[in-house]
């Protein structure tokens, strides 16, 4: 039990560090007010969780990867903060674009990654 907690913590540290690095790279390249770093991170996380779900891994490993790594890699709180900022700035078109892209692409990415992973496993 204690070993699992330690592994979740280590995976969490790695996920948070990777999110930080990817966000920095994207933010340096983007001059838009569109929160593309958070959206990209969350879409990647949705694809990763789909892969984990599609692999039929041991439940302990699923928890370590999904709660630890992917849980710290993705960022719902930042998504909400950025959404609220767009609304507060009265940038409703950009808010709606962010909301739709984030949810729709993330859900599609998760579904496609589950299907793709299961396809390759069955080969």
PDB file of N, CA and C in Angstrom:
ATOM      1  N   UNK A   1       0.832  -1.202   0.000  1.00  0.00           N
ATOM      2  CA  UNK A   1       0.000   0.000   0.000  1.00  0.00           C
ATOM      3  C   UNK A   1       0.873   1.261   0.000  1.00  0.00           C
ATOM      4  N   UNK A   2       1.869   1.288   0.885  1.00  0.00           N
ATOM      5  CA  UNK A   2       2.747   2.451   0.966  1.00  0.00           C
ATOM      6  C   UNK A   2       3.565   2.603  -0.317  1.00  0.00           C
ATOM      7  N   UNK A   3       3.945   1.469  -0.901  1.00  0.00           N
ATOM      8  CA  UNK A   3       4.699   1.483  -2.153  1.00  0.00           C
ATOM      9  C   UNK A   3       3.871   2.117  -3.267  1.00  0.00           C
ATOM     10  N   UNK A   4       2.564   1.792  -3.325  1.00  0.00           N
ATOM     11  CA  UNK A   4       1.673   2.375  -4.335  1.00  0.00           C
ATOM     12  C   UNK A   4       1.557   3.882  -4.163  1.00  0.00           C
ATOM     13  N   UNK A   5       1.451   4.334  -2.925  1.00  0.00           N
ATOM     14  CA  UNK A   5       1.356   5.775  -2.654  1.00  0.00           C
ATOM     15  C   UNK A   5       2.625   6.479  -3.125  1.00  0.00           C
ATOM     16  N   UNK A   6       3.759   5.880  -2.855  1.00  0.00           N
ATOM     17  CA  UNK A   6       5.035   6.458  -3.295  1.00  0.00           C
ATOM     18  C   UNK A   6       5.101   6.522  -4.827  1.00  0.00           C
ATOM     19  N   UNK A   7       4.676   5.457  -5.492  1.00  0.00           N
ATOM     20  CA  UNK A   7       4.693   5.438  -6.958  1.00  0.00           C
ATOM     21  C   UNK A   7       3.721   6.460  -7.549  1.00  0.00           C
ATOM     22  N   UNK A   8       2.554   6.618  -6.924  1.00  0.00           N
ATOM     23  CA  UNK A   8       1.604   7.645  -7.375  1.00  0.00           C
ATOM     24  C   UNK A   8       2.229   9.029  -7.227  1.00  0.00           C
ATOM     25  N   UNK A   9       2.916   9.254  -6.115  1.00  0.00           N
ATOM     26  CA  UNK A   9       3.583  10.539  -5.894  1.00  0.00           C
ATOM     27  C   UNK A   9       4.675  10.813  -6.913  1.00  0.00           C
ATOM     28  N   UNK A  10       5.487   9.809  -7.197  1.00  0.00           N
ATOM     29  CA  UNK A  10       6.553   9.965  -8.194  1.00  0.00           C
ATOM     30  C   UNK A  10       5.952  10.225  -9.575  1.00  0.00           C
ATOM     31  N   UNK A  11       4.921   9.458  -9.925  1.00  0.00           N
ATOM     32  CA  UNK A  11       4.250   9.667 -11.213  1.00  0.00           C
ATOM     33  C   UNK A  11       3.638  11.065 -11.273  1.00  0.00           C
ATOM     34  N   UNK A  12       3.093  11.526 -10.146  1.00  0.00           N
ATOM     35  CA  UNK A  12       2.520  12.869 -10.083  1.00  0.00           C
ATOM     36  C   UNK A  12       3.559  13.954 -10.307  1.00  0.00           C
ATOM     37  N   UNK A  13       4.709  13.777  -9.711  1.00  0.00           N
ATOM     38  CA  UNK A  13       5.797  14.739  -9.910  1.00  0.00           C
ATOM     39  C   UNK A  13       6.196  14.785 -11.387  1.00  0.00           C
ATOM     40  N   UNK A  14       6.344  13.618 -11.993  1.00  0.00           N
ATOM     41  CA  UNK A  14       6.736  13.558 -13.406  1.00  0.00           C
ATOM     42  C   UNK A  14       5.682  14.189 -14.311  1.00  0.00           C
ATOM     43  N   UNK A  15       4.407  13.923 -14.033  1.00  0.00           N
ATOM     44  CA  UNK A  15       3.330  14.510 -14.832  1.00  0.00           C
ATOM     45  C   UNK A  15       3.296  16.023 -14.719  1.00  0.00           C
ATOM     46  N   UNK A  16       3.467  16.530 -13.493  1.00  0.00           N
ATOM     47  CA  UNK A  16       3.451  17.982 -13.284  1.00  0.00           C
ATOM     48  C   UNK A  16       4.636  18.655 -13.972  1.00  0.00           C
ATOM     49  N   UNK A  17       5.805  18.035 -13.885  1.00  0.00           N
ATOM     50  CA  UNK A  17       6.988  18.604 -14.537  1.00  0.00           C
ATOM     51  C   UNK A  17       6.844  18.611 -16.059  1.00  0.00           C
ATOM     52  N   UNK A  18       6.300  17.533 -16.605  1.00  0.00           N
ATOM     53  CA  UNK A  18       6.094  17.480 -18.054  1.00  0.00           C
ATOM     54  C   UNK A  18       5.081  18.528 -18.494  1.00  0.00           C
ATOM     55  N   UNK A  19       4.010  18.696 -17.717  1.00  0.00           N
ATOM     56  CA  UNK A  19       3.014  19.732 -18.044  1.00  0.00           C
ATOM     57  C   UNK A  19       3.670  21.106 -18.029  1.00  0.00           C
ATOM     58  N   UNK A  20       4.477  21.379 -17.031  1.00  0.00           N
ATOM     59  CA  UNK A  20       5.160  22.665 -16.913  1.00  0.00           C
ATOM     60  C   UNK A  20       6.036  22.931 -18.143  1.00  0.00           C
ATOM     61  N   UNK A  21       6.809  21.933 -18.547  1.00  0.00           N
ATOM     62  CA  UNK A  21       7.710  22.107 -19.693  1.00  0.00           C
ATOM     63  C   UNK A  21       6.937  22.299 -20.997  1.00  0.00           C
ATOM     64  N   UNK A  22       5.928  21.468 -21.225  1.00  0.00           N
ATOM     65  CA  UNK A  22       5.142  21.595 -22.457  1.00  0.00           C
ATOM     66  C   UNK A  22       4.417  22.936 -22.489  1.00  0.00           C
ATOM     67  N   UNK A  23       3.864  23.350 -21.361  1.00  0.00           N
ATOM     68  CA  UNK A  23       3.177  24.648 -21.289  1.00  0.00           C
ATOM     69  C   UNK A  23       4.125  25.788 -21.618  1.00  0.00           C
ATOM     70  N   UNK A  24       5.338  25.733 -21.087  1.00  0.00           N
ATOM     71  CA  UNK A  24       6.321  26.782 -21.378  1.00  0.00           C
ATOM     72  C   UNK A  24       6.652  26.844 -22.862  1.00  0.00           C
ATOM     73  N   UNK A  25       6.852  25.699 -23.481  1.00  0.00           N
ATOM     74  CA  UNK A  25       7.177  25.662 -24.913  1.00  0.00           C
ATOM     75  C   UNK A  25       6.027  26.252 -25.733  1.00  0.00           C
ATOM     76  N   UNK A  26       4.805  25.831 -25.433  1.00  0.00           N
ATOM     77  CA  UNK A  26       3.646  26.317 -26.193  1.00  0.00           C
ATOM     78  C   UNK A  26       3.433  27.803 -25.956  1.00  0.00           C
ATOM     79  N   UNK A  27       3.526  28.241 -24.704  1.00  0.00           N
ATOM     80  CA  UNK A  27       3.293  29.656 -24.390  1.00  0.00           C
ATOM     81  C   UNK A  27       4.342  30.568 -25.017  1.00  0.00           C
ATOM     82  N   UNK A  28       5.577  30.096 -25.156  1.00  0.00           N
ATOM     83  CA  UNK A  28       6.619  30.898 -25.802  1.00  0.00           C
ATOM     84  C   UNK A  28       6.347  31.076 -27.293  1.00  0.00           C
ATOM     85  N   UNK A  29       5.693  30.090 -27.900  1.00  0.00           N
ATOM     86  CA  UNK A  29       5.421  30.139 -29.336  1.00  0.00           C
ATOM     87  C   UNK A  29       4.105  30.824 -29.662  1.00  0.00           C
ATOM     88  N   UNK A  30       3.244  30.989 -28.676  1.00  0.00           N
ATOM     89  CA  UNK A  30       1.908  31.539 -28.918  1.00  0.00           C
ATOM     90  C   UNK A  30       1.837  32.981 -28.449  1.00  0.00           C
ATOM     91  N   UNK A  31       1.331  33.834 -29.308  1.00  0.00           N
ATOM     92  CA  UNK A  31       1.140  35.230 -28.931  1.00  0.00           C
ATOM     93  C   UNK A  31      -0.339  35.562 -28.841  1.00  0.00           C
ATOM     94  N   UNK A  32      -1.162  34.548 -28.854  1.00  0.00           N
ATOM     95  CA  UNK A  32      -2.611  34.703 -28.824  1.00  0.00           C
ATOM     96  C   UNK A  32      -3.117  34.713 -27.385  1.00  0.00           C
ATOM     97  N   UNK A  33      -4.324  35.222 -27.193  1.00  0.00           N
ATOM     98  CA  UNK A  33      -4.979  35.152 -25.889  1.00  0.00           C
ATOM     99  C   UNK A  33      -5.640  33.794 -25.678  1.00  0.00           C
ATOM    100  N   UNK A  34      -5.635  32.976 -26.732  1.00  0.00           N
ATOM    101  CA  UNK A  34      -6.243  31.653 -26.643  1.00  0.00           C
ATOM    102  C   UNK A  34      -5.369  30.761 -25.761  1.00  0.00           C
ATOM    103  N   UNK A  35      -5.952  30.114 -24.757  1.00  0.00           N
ATOM    104  CA  UNK A  35      -5.172  29.268 -23.834  1.00  0.00           C
ATOM    105  C   UNK A  35      -4.809  27.914 -24.454  1.00  0.00           C
ATOM    106  N   UNK A  36      -3.983  27.957 -25.481  1.00  0.00           N
ATOM    107  CA  UNK A  36      -3.672  26.738 -26.227  1.00  0.00           C
ATOM    108  C   UNK A  36      -2.830  25.743 -25.431  1.00  0.00           C
ATOM    109  N   UNK A  37      -2.011  26.205 -24.498  1.00  0.00           N
ATOM    110  CA  UNK A  37      -1.182  25.277 -23.718  1.00  0.00           C
ATOM    111  C   UNK A  37      -2.052  24.351 -22.874  1.00  0.00           C
ATOM    112  N   UNK A  38      -2.991  24.917 -22.138  1.00  0.00           N
ATOM    113  CA  UNK A  38      -3.867  24.102 -21.297  1.00  0.00           C
ATOM    114  C   UNK A  38      -4.714  23.169 -22.143  1.00  0.00           C
ATOM    115  N   UNK A  39      -5.246  23.673 -23.242  1.00  0.00           N
ATOM    116  CA  UNK A  39      -6.063  22.833 -24.108  1.00  0.00           C
ATOM    117  C   UNK A  39      -5.238  21.672 -24.658  1.00  0.00           C
ATOM    118  N   UNK A  40      -4.030  21.949 -25.111  1.00  0.00           N
ATOM    119  CA  UNK A  40      -3.161  20.903 -25.650  1.00  0.00           C
ATOM    120  C   UNK A  40      -2.834  19.861 -24.592  1.00  0.00           C
ATOM    121  N   UNK A  41      -2.483  20.318 -23.401  1.00  0.00           N
ATOM    122  CA  UNK A  41      -2.168  19.406 -22.294  1.00  0.00           C
ATOM    123  C   UNK A  41      -3.363  18.504 -21.995  1.00  0.00           C
ATOM    124  N   UNK A  42      -4.539  19.086 -21.899  1.00  0.00           N
ATOM    125  CA  UNK A  42      -5.722  18.294 -21.561  1.00  0.00           C
ATOM    126  C   UNK A  42      -6.109  17.324 -22.675  1.00  0.00           C
ATOM    127  N   UNK A  43      -5.900  17.702 -23.921  1.00  0.00           N
ATOM    128  CA  UNK A  43      -6.165  16.780 -25.033  1.00  0.00           C
ATOM    129  C   UNK A  43      -5.167  15.622 -25.002  1.00  0.00           C
ATOM    130  N   UNK A  44      -3.898  15.931 -24.793  1.00  0.00           N
ATOM    131  CA  UNK A  44      -2.889  14.870 -24.675  1.00  0.00           C
ATOM    132  C   UNK A  44      -3.239  13.943 -23.512  1.00  0.00           C
ATOM    133  N   UNK A  45      -3.640  14.525 -22.385  1.00  0.00           N
ATOM    134  CA  UNK A  45      -4.029  13.722 -21.225  1.00  0.00           C
ATOM    135  C   UNK A  45      -5.214  12.823 -21.518  1.00  0.00           C
ATOM    136  N   UNK A  46      -6.173  13.323 -22.285  1.00  0.00           N
ATOM    137  CA  UNK A  46      -7.337  12.512 -22.661  1.00  0.00           C
ATOM    138  C   UNK A  46      -6.929  11.345 -23.548  1.00  0.00           C
ATOM    139  N   UNK A  47      -6.000  11.596 -24.439  1.00  0.00           N
ATOM    140  CA  UNK A  47      -5.486  10.517 -25.294  1.00  0.00           C
ATOM    141  C   UNK A  47      -4.725   9.497 -24.446  1.00  0.00           C
ATOM    142  N   UNK A  48      -3.912   9.984 -23.513  1.00  0.00           N
ATOM    143  CA  UNK A  48      -3.162   9.078 -22.636  1.00  0.00           C
ATOM    144  C   UNK A  48      -4.085   8.216 -21.782  1.00  0.00           C
ATOM    145  N   UNK A  49      -5.147   8.812 -21.232  1.00  0.00           N
ATOM    146  CA  UNK A  49      -6.060   8.026 -20.403  1.00  0.00           C
ATOM    147  C   UNK A  49      -6.776   6.994 -21.262  1.00  0.00           C
ATOM    148  N   UNK A  50      -7.059   7.332 -22.508  1.00  0.00           N
ATOM    149  CA  UNK A  50      -7.649   6.361 -23.424  1.00  0.00           C
ATOM    150  C   UNK A  50      -6.717   5.192 -23.692  1.00  0.00           C
ATOM    151  N   UNK A  51      -5.436   5.492 -23.856  1.00  0.00           N
ATOM    152  CA  UNK A  51      -4.448   4.424 -24.063  1.00  0.00           C
ATOM    153  C   UNK A  51      -4.386   3.527 -22.832  1.00  0.00           C
ATOM    154  N   UNK A  52      -4.331   4.127 -21.655  1.00  0.00           N
ATOM    155  CA  UNK A  52      -4.297   3.353 -20.407  1.00  0.00           C
ATOM    156  C   UNK A  52      -5.543   2.475 -20.293  1.00  0.00           C
ATOM    157  N   UNK A  53      -6.701   3.038 -20.609  1.00  0.00           N
ATOM    158  CA  UNK A  53      -7.945   2.271 -20.546  1.00  0.00           C
ATOM    159  C   UNK A  53      -7.956   1.145 -21.578  1.00  0.00           C
ATOM    160  N   UNK A  54      -7.397   1.402 -22.739  1.00  0.00           N
ATOM    161  CA  UNK A  54      -7.390   0.405 -23.804  1.00  0.00           C
ATOM    162  C   UNK A  54      -6.408  -0.732 -23.595  1.00  0.00           C
ATOM    163  N   UNK A  55      -5.413  -0.529 -22.741  1.00  0.00           N
ATOM    164  CA  UNK A  55      -4.379  -1.544 -22.538  1.00  0.00           C
ATOM    165  C   UNK A  55      -4.791  -2.674 -21.595  1.00  0.00           C
ATOM    166  N   UNK A  56      -5.856  -2.514 -20.860  1.00  0.00           N
ATOM    167  CA  UNK A  56      -6.291  -3.531 -19.890  1.00  0.00           C
ATOM    168  C   UNK A  56      -5.167  -3.902 -18.921  1.00  0.00           C
ATOM    169  N   UNK A  57      -4.570  -2.885 -18.322  1.00  0.00           N
ATOM    170  CA  UNK A  57      -3.464  -3.067 -17.395  1.00  0.00           C
ATOM    171  C   UNK A  57      -3.963  -3.496 -16.022  1.00  0.00           C
ATOM    172  N   UNK A  58      -3.028  -3.933 -15.195  1.00  0.00           N
ATOM    173  CA  UNK A  58      -3.324  -4.234 -13.801  1.00  0.00           C
ATOM    174  C   UNK A  58      -3.884  -2.976 -13.132  1.00  0.00           C
ATOM    175  N   UNK A  59      -4.880  -3.144 -12.281  1.00  0.00           N
ATOM    176  CA  UNK A  59      -5.571  -2.010 -11.659  1.00  0.00           C
ATOM    177  C   UNK A  59      -4.618  -1.087 -10.895  1.00  0.00           C
ATOM    178  N   UNK A  60      -3.606  -1.643 -10.240  1.00  0.00           N
ATOM    179  CA  UNK A  60      -2.649  -0.806  -9.501  1.00  0.00           C
ATOM    180  C   UNK A  60      -1.879   0.111 -10.451  1.00  0.00           C
ATOM    181  N   UNK A  61      -1.491  -0.428 -11.585  1.00  0.00           N
ATOM    182  CA  UNK A  61      -0.768   0.378 -12.571  1.00  0.00           C
ATOM    183  C   UNK A  61      -1.680   1.437 -13.181  1.00  0.00           C
ATOM    184  N   UNK A  62      -2.939   1.082 -13.413  1.00  0.00           N
ATOM    185  CA  UNK A  62      -3.912   2.052 -13.929  1.00  0.00           C
ATOM    186  C   UNK A  62      -4.039   3.221 -12.961  1.00  0.00           C
ATOM    187  N   UNK A  63      -4.113   2.940 -11.670  1.00  0.00           N
ATOM    188  CA  UNK A  63      -4.237   4.004 -10.666  1.00  0.00           C
ATOM    189  C   UNK A  63      -2.982   4.863 -10.638  1.00  0.00           C
ATOM    190  N   UNK A  64      -1.823   4.235 -10.678  1.00  0.00           N
ATOM    191  CA  UNK A  64      -0.566   4.995 -10.669  1.00  0.00           C
ATOM    192  C   UNK A  64      -0.497   5.924 -11.882  1.00  0.00           C
ATOM    193  N   UNK A  65      -0.842   5.399 -13.050  1.00  0.00           N
ATOM    194  CA  UNK A  65      -0.772   6.210 -14.269  1.00  0.00           C
ATOM    195  C   UNK A  65      -1.877   7.258 -14.338  1.00  0.00           C
ATOM    196  N   UNK A  66      -3.112   6.863 -14.013  1.00  0.00           N
ATOM    197  CA  UNK A  66      -4.236   7.795 -14.180  1.00  0.00           C
ATOM    198  C   UNK A  66      -4.310   8.829 -13.066  1.00  0.00           C
ATOM    199  N   UNK A  67      -4.149   8.410 -11.828  1.00  0.00           N
ATOM    200  CA  UNK A  67      -4.215   9.362 -10.712  1.00  0.00           C
ATOM    201  C   UNK A  67      -2.903  10.131 -10.585  1.00  0.00           C
ATOM    202  N   UNK A  68      -1.787   9.412 -10.664  1.00  0.00           N
ATOM    203  CA  UNK A  68      -0.488  10.050 -10.488  1.00  0.00           C
ATOM    204  C   UNK A  68      -0.053  10.869 -11.682  1.00  0.00           C
ATOM    205  N   UNK A  69       0.346  10.186 -12.752  1.00  0.00           N
ATOM    206  CA  UNK A  69       0.929  10.887 -13.897  1.00  0.00           C
ATOM    207  C   UNK A  69      -0.088  11.733 -14.655  1.00  0.00           C
ATOM    208  N   UNK A  70      -1.158  11.109 -15.143  1.00  0.00           N
ATOM    209  CA  UNK A  70      -2.118  11.838 -15.981  1.00  0.00           C
ATOM    210  C   UNK A  70      -2.901  12.853 -15.157  1.00  0.00           C
ATOM    211  N   UNK A  71      -3.199  12.499 -13.901  1.00  0.00           N
ATOM    212  CA  UNK A  71      -3.924  13.430 -13.029  1.00  0.00           C
ATOM    213  C   UNK A  71      -3.156  14.716 -12.770  1.00  0.00           C
ATOM    214  N   UNK A  72      -1.840  14.613 -12.628  1.00  0.00           N
ATOM    215  CA  UNK A  72      -1.044  15.829 -12.410  1.00  0.00           C
ATOM    216  C   UNK A  72      -0.648  16.494 -13.722  1.00  0.00           C
ATOM    217  N   UNK A  73      -0.647  15.735 -14.794  1.00  0.00           N
ATOM    218  CA  UNK A  73      -0.311  16.287 -16.108  1.00  0.00           C
ATOM    219  C   UNK A  73      -1.441  17.171 -16.631  1.00  0.00           C
ATOM    220  N   UNK A  74      -2.671  16.688 -16.531  1.00  0.00           N
ATOM    221  CA  UNK A  74      -3.818  17.477 -16.988  1.00  0.00           C
ATOM    222  C   UNK A  74      -4.188  18.499 -15.927  1.00  0.00           C
ATOM    223  N   UNK A  75      -4.998  19.469 -16.307  1.00  0.00           N
ATOM    224  CA  UNK A  75      -5.249  20.558 -15.377  1.00  0.00           C
ATOM    225  C   UNK A  75      -6.636  21.160 -15.555  1.00  0.00           C
ATOM    226  N   UNK A  76      -7.596  20.567 -14.870  1.00  0.00           N
ATOM    227  CA  UNK A  76      -8.967  21.073 -14.943  1.00  0.00           C
ATOM    228  C   UNK A  76      -9.082  22.438 -14.266  1.00  0.00           C
ATOM    229  N   UNK A  77      -8.376  22.637 -13.170  1.00  0.00           N
ATOM    230  CA  UNK A  77      -8.475  23.921 -12.462  1.00  0.00           C
ATOM    231  C   UNK A  77      -7.966  25.073 -13.322  1.00  0.00           C
ATOM    232  N   UNK A  78      -6.897  24.864 -14.068  1.00  0.00           N
ATOM    233  CA  UNK A  78      -6.400  25.910 -14.963  1.00  0.00           C
ATOM    234  C   UNK A  78      -7.378  26.136 -16.106  1.00  0.00           C
ATOM    235  N   UNK A  79      -7.986  25.069 -16.597  1.00  0.00           N
ATOM    236  CA  UNK A  79      -9.012  25.184 -17.637  1.00  0.00           C
ATOM    237  C   UNK A  79     -10.152  26.083 -17.153  1.00  0.00           C
ATOM    238  N   UNK A  80     -10.613  25.873 -15.929  1.00  0.00           N
ATOM    239  CA  UNK A  80     -11.702  26.680 -15.372  1.00  0.00           C
ATOM    240  C   UNK A  80     -11.249  28.128 -15.184  1.00  0.00           C
ATOM    241  N   UNK A  81     -10.042  28.329 -14.648  1.00  0.00           N
ATOM    242  CA  UNK A  81      -9.519  29.684 -14.432  1.00  0.00           C
ATOM    243  C   UNK A  81      -9.417  30.445 -15.749  1.00  0.00           C
ATOM    244  N   UNK A  82      -8.893  29.793 -16.771  1.00  0.00           N
ATOM    245  CA  UNK A  82      -8.749  30.456 -18.068  1.00  0.00           C
ATOM    246  C   UNK A  82     -10.109  30.715 -18.713  1.00  0.00           C
ATOM    247  N   UNK A  83     -11.038  29.782 -18.546  1.00  0.00           N
ATOM    248  CA  UNK A  83     -12.398  29.990 -19.063  1.00  0.00           C
ATOM    249  C   UNK A  83     -13.036  31.198 -18.392  1.00  0.00           C
ATOM    250  N   UNK A  84     -12.922  31.270 -17.072  1.00  0.00           N
ATOM    251  CA  UNK A  84     -13.494  32.393 -16.330  1.00  0.00           C
ATOM    252  C   UNK A  84     -12.846  33.711 -16.748  1.00  0.00           C
ATOM    253  N   UNK A  85     -11.539  33.701 -16.968  1.00  0.00           N
ATOM    254  CA  UNK A  85     -10.845  34.920 -17.402  1.00  0.00           C
ATOM    255  C   UNK A  85     -11.372  35.404 -18.748  1.00  0.00           C
ATOM    256  N   UNK A  86     -11.609  34.480 -19.668  1.00  0.00           N
ATOM    257  CA  UNK A  86     -12.152  34.868 -20.976  1.00  0.00           C
ATOM    258  C   UNK A  86     -13.547  35.470 -20.836  1.00  0.00           C
ATOM    259  N   UNK A  87     -14.365  34.899 -19.960  1.00  0.00           N
ATOM    260  CA  UNK A  87     -15.714  35.442 -19.731  1.00  0.00           C
ATOM    261  C   UNK A  87     -15.613  36.811 -19.069  1.00  0.00           C
ATOM    262  N   UNK A  88     -14.751  36.932 -18.079  1.00  0.00           N
ATOM    263  CA  UNK A  88     -14.578  38.201 -17.374  1.00  0.00           C
ATOM    264  C   UNK A  88     -14.105  39.299 -18.324  1.00  0.00           C
ATOM    265  N   UNK A  89     -13.271  38.930 -19.294  1.00  0.00           N
ATOM    266  CA  UNK A  89     -12.802  39.889 -20.302  1.00  0.00           C
ATOM    267  C   UNK A  89     -13.843  40.114 -21.395  1.00  0.00           C
ATOM    268  N   UNK A  90     -14.984  39.470 -21.257  1.00  0.00           N
ATOM    269  CA  UNK A  90     -16.088  39.552 -22.218  1.00  0.00           C
ATOM    270  C   UNK A  90     -15.686  39.054 -23.608  1.00  0.00           C
ATOM    271  N   UNK A  91     -14.774  38.118 -23.620  1.00  0.00           N
ATOM    272  CA  UNK A  91     -14.345  37.505 -24.876  1.00  0.00           C
ATOM    273  C   UNK A  91     -15.115  36.191 -25.055  1.00  0.00           C
ATOM    274  N   UNK A  92     -16.415  36.327 -25.214  1.00  0.00           N
ATOM    275  CA  UNK A  92     -17.315  35.178 -25.281  1.00  0.00           C
ATOM    276  C   UNK A  92     -17.027  34.278 -26.494  1.00  0.00           C
ATOM    277  N   UNK A  93     -16.762  34.833 -27.681  1.00  0.00           N
ATOM    278  CA  UNK A  93     -16.450  33.933 -28.809  1.00  0.00           C
ATOM    279  C   UNK A  93     -15.228  33.044 -28.537  1.00  0.00           C
ATOM    280  N   UNK A  94     -14.176  33.625 -27.967  1.00  0.00           N
ATOM    281  CA  UNK A  94     -12.984  32.837 -27.662  1.00  0.00           C
ATOM    282  C   UNK A  94     -13.270  31.833 -26.544  1.00  0.00           C
ATOM    283  N   UNK A  95     -14.064  32.236 -25.559  1.00  0.00           N
ATOM    284  CA  UNK A  95     -14.473  31.328 -24.481  1.00  0.00           C
ATOM    285  C   UNK A  95     -15.211  30.118 -25.048  1.00  0.00           C
ATOM    286  N   UNK A  96     -16.174  30.356 -25.936  1.00  0.00           N
ATOM    287  CA  UNK A  96     -16.951  29.260 -26.516  1.00  0.00           C
ATOM    288  C   UNK A  96     -16.076  28.350 -27.379  1.00  0.00           C
ATOM    289  N   UNK A  97     -15.158  28.950 -28.117  1.00  0.00           N
ATOM    290  CA  UNK A  97     -14.222  28.170 -28.931  1.00  0.00           C
ATOM    291  C   UNK A  97     -13.364  27.280 -28.029  1.00  0.00           C
ATOM    292  N   UNK A  98     -12.842  27.848 -26.959  1.00  0.00           N
ATOM    293  CA  UNK A  98     -12.007  27.115 -26.003  1.00  0.00           C
ATOM    294  C   UNK A  98     -12.796  25.983 -25.357  1.00  0.00           C
ATOM    295  N   UNK A  99     -13.993  26.284 -24.931  1.00  0.00           N
ATOM    296  CA  UNK A  99     -14.853  25.295 -24.285  1.00  0.00           C
ATOM    297  C   UNK A  99     -15.157  24.137 -25.235  1.00  0.00           C
ATOM    298  N   UNK A 100     -15.599  24.460 -26.429  1.00  0.00           N
ATOM    299  CA  UNK A 100     -15.966  23.420 -27.406  1.00  0.00           C
ATOM    300  C   UNK A 100     -14.757  22.592 -27.831  1.00  0.00           C
ATOM    301  N   UNK A 101     -13.675  23.260 -28.196  1.00  0.00           N
ATOM    302  CA  UNK A 101     -12.484  22.526 -28.628  1.00  0.00           C
ATOM    303  C   UNK A 101     -11.969  21.625 -27.512  1.00  0.00           C
ATOM    304  N   UNK A 102     -11.899  22.166 -26.301  1.00  0.00           N
ATOM    305  CA  UNK A 102     -11.361  21.388 -25.185  1.00  0.00           C
ATOM    306  C   UNK A 102     -12.172  20.129 -24.936  1.00  0.00           C
ATOM    307  N   UNK A 103     -13.470  20.271 -24.845  1.00  0.00           N
ATOM    308  CA  UNK A 103     -14.306  19.106 -24.553  1.00  0.00           C
ATOM    309  C   UNK A 103     -14.412  18.152 -25.731  1.00  0.00           C
ATOM    310  N   UNK A 104     -14.752  18.671 -26.880  1.00  0.00           N
ATOM    311  CA  UNK A 104     -15.005  17.806 -28.037  1.00  0.00           C
ATOM    312  C   UNK A 104     -13.739  17.060 -28.456  1.00  0.00           C
ATOM    313  N   UNK A 105     -12.643  17.768 -28.607  1.00  0.00           N
ATOM    314  CA  UNK A 105     -11.410  17.120 -29.051  1.00  0.00           C
ATOM    315  C   UNK A 105     -10.896  16.151 -27.990  1.00  0.00           C
ATOM    316  N   UNK A 106     -11.023  16.504 -26.715  1.00  0.00           N
ATOM    317  CA  UNK A 106     -10.583  15.604 -25.645  1.00  0.00           C
ATOM    318  C   UNK A 106     -11.386  14.312 -25.635  1.00  0.00           C
ATOM    319  N   UNK A 107     -12.693  14.412 -25.761  1.00  0.00           N
ATOM    320  CA  UNK A 107     -13.539  13.215 -25.757  1.00  0.00           C
ATOM    321  C   UNK A 107     -13.261  12.356 -26.987  1.00  0.00           C
ATOM    322  N   UNK A 108     -13.178  12.985 -28.146  1.00  0.00           N
ATOM    323  CA  UNK A 108     -12.870  12.234 -29.372  1.00  0.00           C
ATOM    324  C   UNK A 108     -11.487  11.591 -29.263  1.00  0.00           C
ATOM    325  N   UNK A 109     -10.517  12.336 -28.753  1.00  0.00           N
ATOM    326  CA  UNK A 109      -9.165  11.799 -28.581  1.00  0.00           C
ATOM    327  C   UNK A 109      -9.135  10.589 -27.668  1.00  0.00           C
ATOM    328  N   UNK A 110      -9.890  10.647 -26.584  1.00  0.00           N
ATOM    329  CA  UNK A 110      -9.953   9.519 -25.654  1.00  0.00           C
ATOM    330  C   UNK A 110     -10.569   8.302 -26.331  1.00  0.00           C
ATOM    331  N   UNK A 111     -11.708   8.488 -26.965  1.00  0.00           N
ATOM    332  CA  UNK A 111     -12.371   7.369 -27.646  1.00  0.00           C
ATOM    333  C   UNK A 111     -11.478   6.756 -28.723  1.00  0.00           C
ATOM    334  N   UNK A 112     -10.880   7.602 -29.553  1.00  0.00           N
ATOM    335  CA  UNK A 112     -10.030   7.091 -30.628  1.00  0.00           C
ATOM    336  C   UNK A 112      -8.795   6.371 -30.092  1.00  0.00           C
ATOM    337  N   UNK A 113      -8.235   6.873 -28.994  1.00  0.00           N
ATOM    338  CA  UNK A 113      -7.050   6.210 -28.443  1.00  0.00           C
ATOM    339  C   UNK A 113      -7.407   4.862 -27.820  1.00  0.00           C
ATOM    340  N   UNK A 114      -8.593   4.740 -27.222  1.00  0.00           N
ATOM    341  CA  UNK A 114      -9.036   3.435 -26.709  1.00  0.00           C
ATOM    342  C   UNK A 114      -9.174   2.452 -27.868  1.00  0.00           C
ATOM    343  N   UNK A 115      -9.880   2.873 -28.905  1.00  0.00           N
ATOM    344  CA  UNK A 115     -10.125   2.003 -30.061  1.00  0.00           C
ATOM    345  C   UNK A 115      -8.813   1.618 -30.738  1.00  0.00           C
ATOM    346  N   UNK A 116      -7.930   2.593 -30.942  1.00  0.00           N
ATOM    347  CA  UNK A 116      -6.647   2.333 -31.600  1.00  0.00           C
ATOM    348  C   UNK A 116      -5.781   1.395 -30.769  1.00  0.00           C
ATOM    349  N   UNK A 117      -5.721   1.645 -29.461  1.00  0.00           N
ATOM    350  CA  UNK A 117      -4.922   0.794 -28.577  1.00  0.00           C
ATOM    351  C   UNK A 117      -5.438  -0.636 -28.598  1.00  0.00           C
ATOM    352  N   UNK A 118      -6.743  -0.800 -28.483  1.00  0.00           N
ATOM    353  CA  UNK A 118      -7.316  -2.147 -28.498  1.00  0.00           C
ATOM    354  C   UNK A 118      -7.102  -2.825 -29.852  1.00  0.00           C
ATOM    355  N   UNK A 119      -7.132  -2.056 -30.922  1.00  0.00           N
ATOM    356  CA  UNK A 119      -6.871  -2.611 -32.253  1.00  0.00           C
ATOM    357  C   UNK A 119      -5.455  -3.177 -32.324  1.00  0.00           C
ATOM    358  N   UNK A 120      -4.466  -2.397 -31.873  1.00  0.00           N
ATOM    359  CA  UNK A 120      -3.083  -2.855 -31.946  1.00  0.00           C
ATOM    360  C   UNK A 120      -2.802  -4.000 -30.986  1.00  0.00           C
ATOM    361  N   UNK A 121      -3.485  -4.046 -29.871  1.00  0.00           N
ATOM    362  CA  UNK A 121      -3.311  -5.157 -28.930  1.00  0.00           C
ATOM    363  C   UNK A 121      -3.847  -6.453 -29.531  1.00  0.00           C
ATOM    364  N   UNK A 122      -4.929  -6.353 -30.271  1.00  0.00           N
ATOM    365  CA  UNK A 122      -5.551  -7.552 -30.844  1.00  0.00           C
ATOM    366  C   UNK A 122      -4.762  -8.130 -32.021  1.00  0.00           C
ATOM    367  N   UNK A 123      -3.809  -7.390 -32.537  1.00  0.00           N
ATOM    368  CA  UNK A 123      -3.001  -7.854 -33.687  1.00  0.00           C
ATOM    369  C   UNK A 123      -1.967  -8.862 -33.251  1.00  0.00           C
TER     370      UNK A 123
END
